[in-house]
């Protein structure tokens, strides 16, 4: 049994990975943020290993929120190799989210 603590991946490293990353900036007190949870689960199931999804609590990570000009929650940002491909504030239906992400990834596959 390994007793060493596993190092948590750093946000800046995760968003620079080859696999695209959808970041959900949320807050625990935000009702639309809670509505996004099942949407993101469905999206992950649909896209599998072609997309990573991470959640960032803006109250616990104000610097990350400020760095990406997150003014409201939820805010979704799609990163690929550290670049922002798409950003939107507000809850997004799963079909629309899937469509936007697929389009952005297909146009940025170089």
C-alpha atoms as a PDB file:
ATOM      1  CA  UNK A   1       0.000   0.000   0.000  1.00  0.00           C
ATOM      2  CA  UNK A   2       1.356   3.384  -0.998  1.00  0.00           C
ATOM      3  CA  UNK A   3       1.232   5.833   1.890  1.00  0.00           C
ATOM      4  CA  UNK A   4       2.519   8.786  -0.126  1.00  0.00           C
ATOM      5  CA  UNK A   5      -0.034  11.437  -0.881  1.00  0.00           C
ATOM      6  CA  UNK A   6      -0.787  11.704  -4.557  1.00  0.00           C
ATOM      7  CA  UNK A   7      -0.037  15.163  -5.932  1.00  0.00           C
ATOM      8  CA  UNK A   8      -3.185  16.890  -7.132  1.00  0.00           C
ATOM      9  CA  UNK A   9      -2.989  17.965 -10.756  1.00  0.00           C
ATOM     10  CA  UNK A  10      -2.536  21.705 -11.163  1.00  0.00           C
ATOM     11  CA  UNK A  11      -5.245  23.609 -13.071  1.00  0.00           C
ATOM     12  CA  UNK A  12      -2.714  25.283 -15.390  1.00  0.00           C
ATOM     13  CA  UNK A  13      -1.279  21.853 -16.293  1.00  0.00           C
ATOM     14  CA  UNK A  14      -4.679  20.237 -16.872  1.00  0.00           C
ATOM     15  CA  UNK A  15      -5.825  22.894 -19.358  1.00  0.00           C
ATOM     16  CA  UNK A  16      -2.569  22.544 -21.355  1.00  0.00           C
ATOM     17  CA  UNK A  17      -3.112  18.841 -22.013  1.00  0.00           C
ATOM     18  CA  UNK A  18      -3.754  17.414 -25.463  1.00  0.00           C
ATOM     19  CA  UNK A  19      -7.229  16.248 -24.434  1.00  0.00           C
ATOM     20  CA  UNK A  20      -9.675  19.178 -24.480  1.00  0.00           C
ATOM     21  CA  UNK A  21     -10.940  20.289 -21.083  1.00  0.00           C
ATOM     22  CA  UNK A  22     -14.329  21.812 -20.307  1.00  0.00           C
ATOM     23  CA  UNK A  23     -14.084  23.856 -17.116  1.00  0.00           C
ATOM     24  CA  UNK A  24     -17.271  24.550 -15.182  1.00  0.00           C
ATOM     25  CA  UNK A  25     -16.817  27.595 -12.950  1.00  0.00           C
ATOM     26  CA  UNK A  26     -19.575  27.235 -10.352  1.00  0.00           C
ATOM     27  CA  UNK A  27     -20.684  28.106  -6.815  1.00  0.00           C
ATOM     28  CA  UNK A  28     -22.439  25.853  -4.290  1.00  0.00           C
ATOM     29  CA  UNK A  29     -25.181  28.454  -3.714  1.00  0.00           C
ATOM     30  CA  UNK A  30     -25.971  28.802  -7.442  1.00  0.00           C
ATOM     31  CA  UNK A  31     -29.194  27.061  -8.613  1.00  0.00           C
ATOM     32  CA  UNK A  32     -28.313  27.112 -12.367  1.00  0.00           C
ATOM     33  CA  UNK A  33     -24.921  25.605 -11.439  1.00  0.00           C
ATOM     34  CA  UNK A  34     -26.697  22.680  -9.770  1.00  0.00           C
ATOM     35  CA  UNK A  35     -28.791  22.236 -12.927  1.00  0.00           C
ATOM     36  CA  UNK A  36     -25.562  21.804 -14.917  1.00  0.00           C
ATOM     37  CA  UNK A  37     -24.408  18.726 -12.946  1.00  0.00           C
ATOM     38  CA  UNK A  38     -26.613  16.157 -14.765  1.00  0.00           C
ATOM     39  CA  UNK A  39     -25.940  17.935 -18.067  1.00  0.00           C
ATOM     40  CA  UNK A  40     -22.170  17.594 -17.587  1.00  0.00           C
ATOM     41  CA  UNK A  41     -22.533  13.934 -16.553  1.00  0.00           C
ATOM     42  CA  UNK A  42     -24.506  13.180 -19.747  1.00  0.00           C
ATOM     43  CA  UNK A  43     -21.962  15.090 -21.821  1.00  0.00           C
ATOM     44  CA  UNK A  44     -19.051  13.142 -20.293  1.00  0.00           C
ATOM     45  CA  UNK A  45     -20.843   9.851 -20.945  1.00  0.00           C
ATOM     46  CA  UNK A  46     -21.471  10.914 -24.546  1.00  0.00           C
ATOM     47  CA  UNK A  47     -17.943  12.202 -25.252  1.00  0.00           C
ATOM     48  CA  UNK A  48     -15.972   9.746 -23.119  1.00  0.00           C
ATOM     49  CA  UNK A  49     -12.192  10.100 -23.123  1.00  0.00           C
ATOM     50  CA  UNK A  50     -12.232  12.735 -25.898  1.00  0.00           C
ATOM     51  CA  UNK A  51     -13.132  15.409 -23.321  1.00  0.00           C
ATOM     52  CA  UNK A  52     -12.142  16.041 -19.712  1.00  0.00           C
ATOM     53  CA  UNK A  53     -14.534  17.996 -17.503  1.00  0.00           C
ATOM     54  CA  UNK A  54     -13.438  19.734 -14.321  1.00  0.00           C
ATOM     55  CA  UNK A  55     -15.321  21.919 -11.880  1.00  0.00           C
ATOM     56  CA  UNK A  56     -13.846  25.008 -10.224  1.00  0.00           C
ATOM     57  CA  UNK A  57     -15.614  26.526  -7.212  1.00  0.00           C
ATOM     58  CA  UNK A  58     -15.298  30.305  -7.690  1.00  0.00           C
ATOM     59  CA  UNK A  59     -15.638  30.935  -3.946  1.00  0.00           C
ATOM     60  CA  UNK A  60     -12.660  28.669  -3.193  1.00  0.00           C
ATOM     61  CA  UNK A  61     -10.638  29.702  -6.277  1.00  0.00           C
ATOM     62  CA  UNK A  62     -11.239  33.429  -6.815  1.00  0.00           C
ATOM     63  CA  UNK A  63      -7.881  33.915  -8.574  1.00  0.00           C
ATOM     64  CA  UNK A  64      -8.727  31.355 -11.267  1.00  0.00           C
ATOM     65  CA  UNK A  65     -12.150  32.943 -11.752  1.00  0.00           C
ATOM     66  CA  UNK A  66     -10.626  36.424 -12.003  1.00  0.00           C
ATOM     67  CA  UNK A  67      -7.929  35.263 -14.420  1.00  0.00           C
ATOM     68  CA  UNK A  68     -10.564  34.114 -16.913  1.00  0.00           C
ATOM     69  CA  UNK A  69     -12.937  37.048 -16.304  1.00  0.00           C
ATOM     70  CA  UNK A  70     -15.655  34.882 -14.820  1.00  0.00           C
ATOM     71  CA  UNK A  71     -18.314  37.426 -13.887  1.00  0.00           C
ATOM     72  CA  UNK A  72     -21.238  35.075 -13.311  1.00  0.00           C
ATOM     73  CA  UNK A  73     -21.822  31.420 -12.570  1.00  0.00           C
ATOM     74  CA  UNK A  74     -22.034  29.005 -14.118  1.00  0.00           C
ATOM     75  CA  UNK A  75     -19.415  29.917 -16.707  1.00  0.00           C
ATOM     76  CA  UNK A  76     -18.164  27.199 -19.031  1.00  0.00           C
ATOM     77  CA  UNK A  77     -14.792  27.478 -20.746  1.00  0.00           C
ATOM     78  CA  UNK A  78     -13.426  24.984 -23.267  1.00  0.00           C
ATOM     79  CA  UNK A  79      -9.620  24.726 -23.330  1.00  0.00           C
ATOM     80  CA  UNK A  80      -7.319  22.834 -25.669  1.00  0.00           C
ATOM     81  CA  UNK A  81      -3.545  22.969 -25.195  1.00  0.00           C
ATOM     82  CA  UNK A  82      -3.984  25.981 -22.906  1.00  0.00           C
ATOM     83  CA  UNK A  83      -6.016  28.012 -25.410  1.00  0.00           C
ATOM     84  CA  UNK A  84      -9.621  29.057 -24.887  1.00  0.00           C
ATOM     85  CA  UNK A  85     -11.745  27.711 -27.736  1.00  0.00           C
ATOM     86  CA  UNK A  86     -15.108  28.774 -26.317  1.00  0.00           C
ATOM     87  CA  UNK A  87     -16.555  30.506 -23.271  1.00  0.00           C
ATOM     88  CA  UNK A  88     -20.128  31.113 -22.154  1.00  0.00           C
ATOM     89  CA  UNK A  89     -21.882  32.209 -18.988  1.00  0.00           C
ATOM     90  CA  UNK A  90     -25.146  30.596 -17.962  1.00  0.00           C
ATOM     91  CA  UNK A  91     -26.638  27.113 -18.028  1.00  0.00           C
ATOM     92  CA  UNK A  92     -26.461  25.354 -21.405  1.00  0.00           C
ATOM     93  CA  UNK A  93     -28.627  22.376 -22.486  1.00  0.00           C
ATOM     94  CA  UNK A  94     -26.667  19.160 -23.123  1.00  0.00           C
ATOM     95  CA  UNK A  95     -27.510  18.941 -26.844  1.00  0.00           C
ATOM     96  CA  UNK A  96     -26.384  22.527 -27.427  1.00  0.00           C
ATOM     97  CA  UNK A  97     -23.235  21.995 -25.354  1.00  0.00           C
ATOM     98  CA  UNK A  98     -22.376  18.819 -27.278  1.00  0.00           C
ATOM     99  CA  UNK A  99     -22.946  20.597 -30.601  1.00  0.00           C
ATOM    100  CA  UNK A 100     -20.790  23.628 -29.698  1.00  0.00           C
ATOM    101  CA  UNK A 101     -17.943  21.517 -28.301  1.00  0.00           C
ATOM    102  CA  UNK A 102     -17.965  19.140 -31.276  1.00  0.00           C
ATOM    103  CA  UNK A 103     -17.874  22.079 -33.676  1.00  0.00           C
ATOM    104  CA  UNK A 104     -15.053  23.846 -31.796  1.00  0.00           C
ATOM    105  CA  UNK A 105     -12.953  20.680 -31.557  1.00  0.00           C
ATOM    106  CA  UNK A 106     -13.442  19.815 -35.226  1.00  0.00           C
ATOM    107  CA  UNK A 107     -12.308  23.288 -36.289  1.00  0.00           C
ATOM    108  CA  UNK A 108      -9.280  23.232 -33.964  1.00  0.00           C
ATOM    109  CA  UNK A 109      -7.910  19.736 -34.510  1.00  0.00           C
ATOM    110  CA  UNK A 110      -4.583  20.902 -35.902  1.00  0.00           C
END
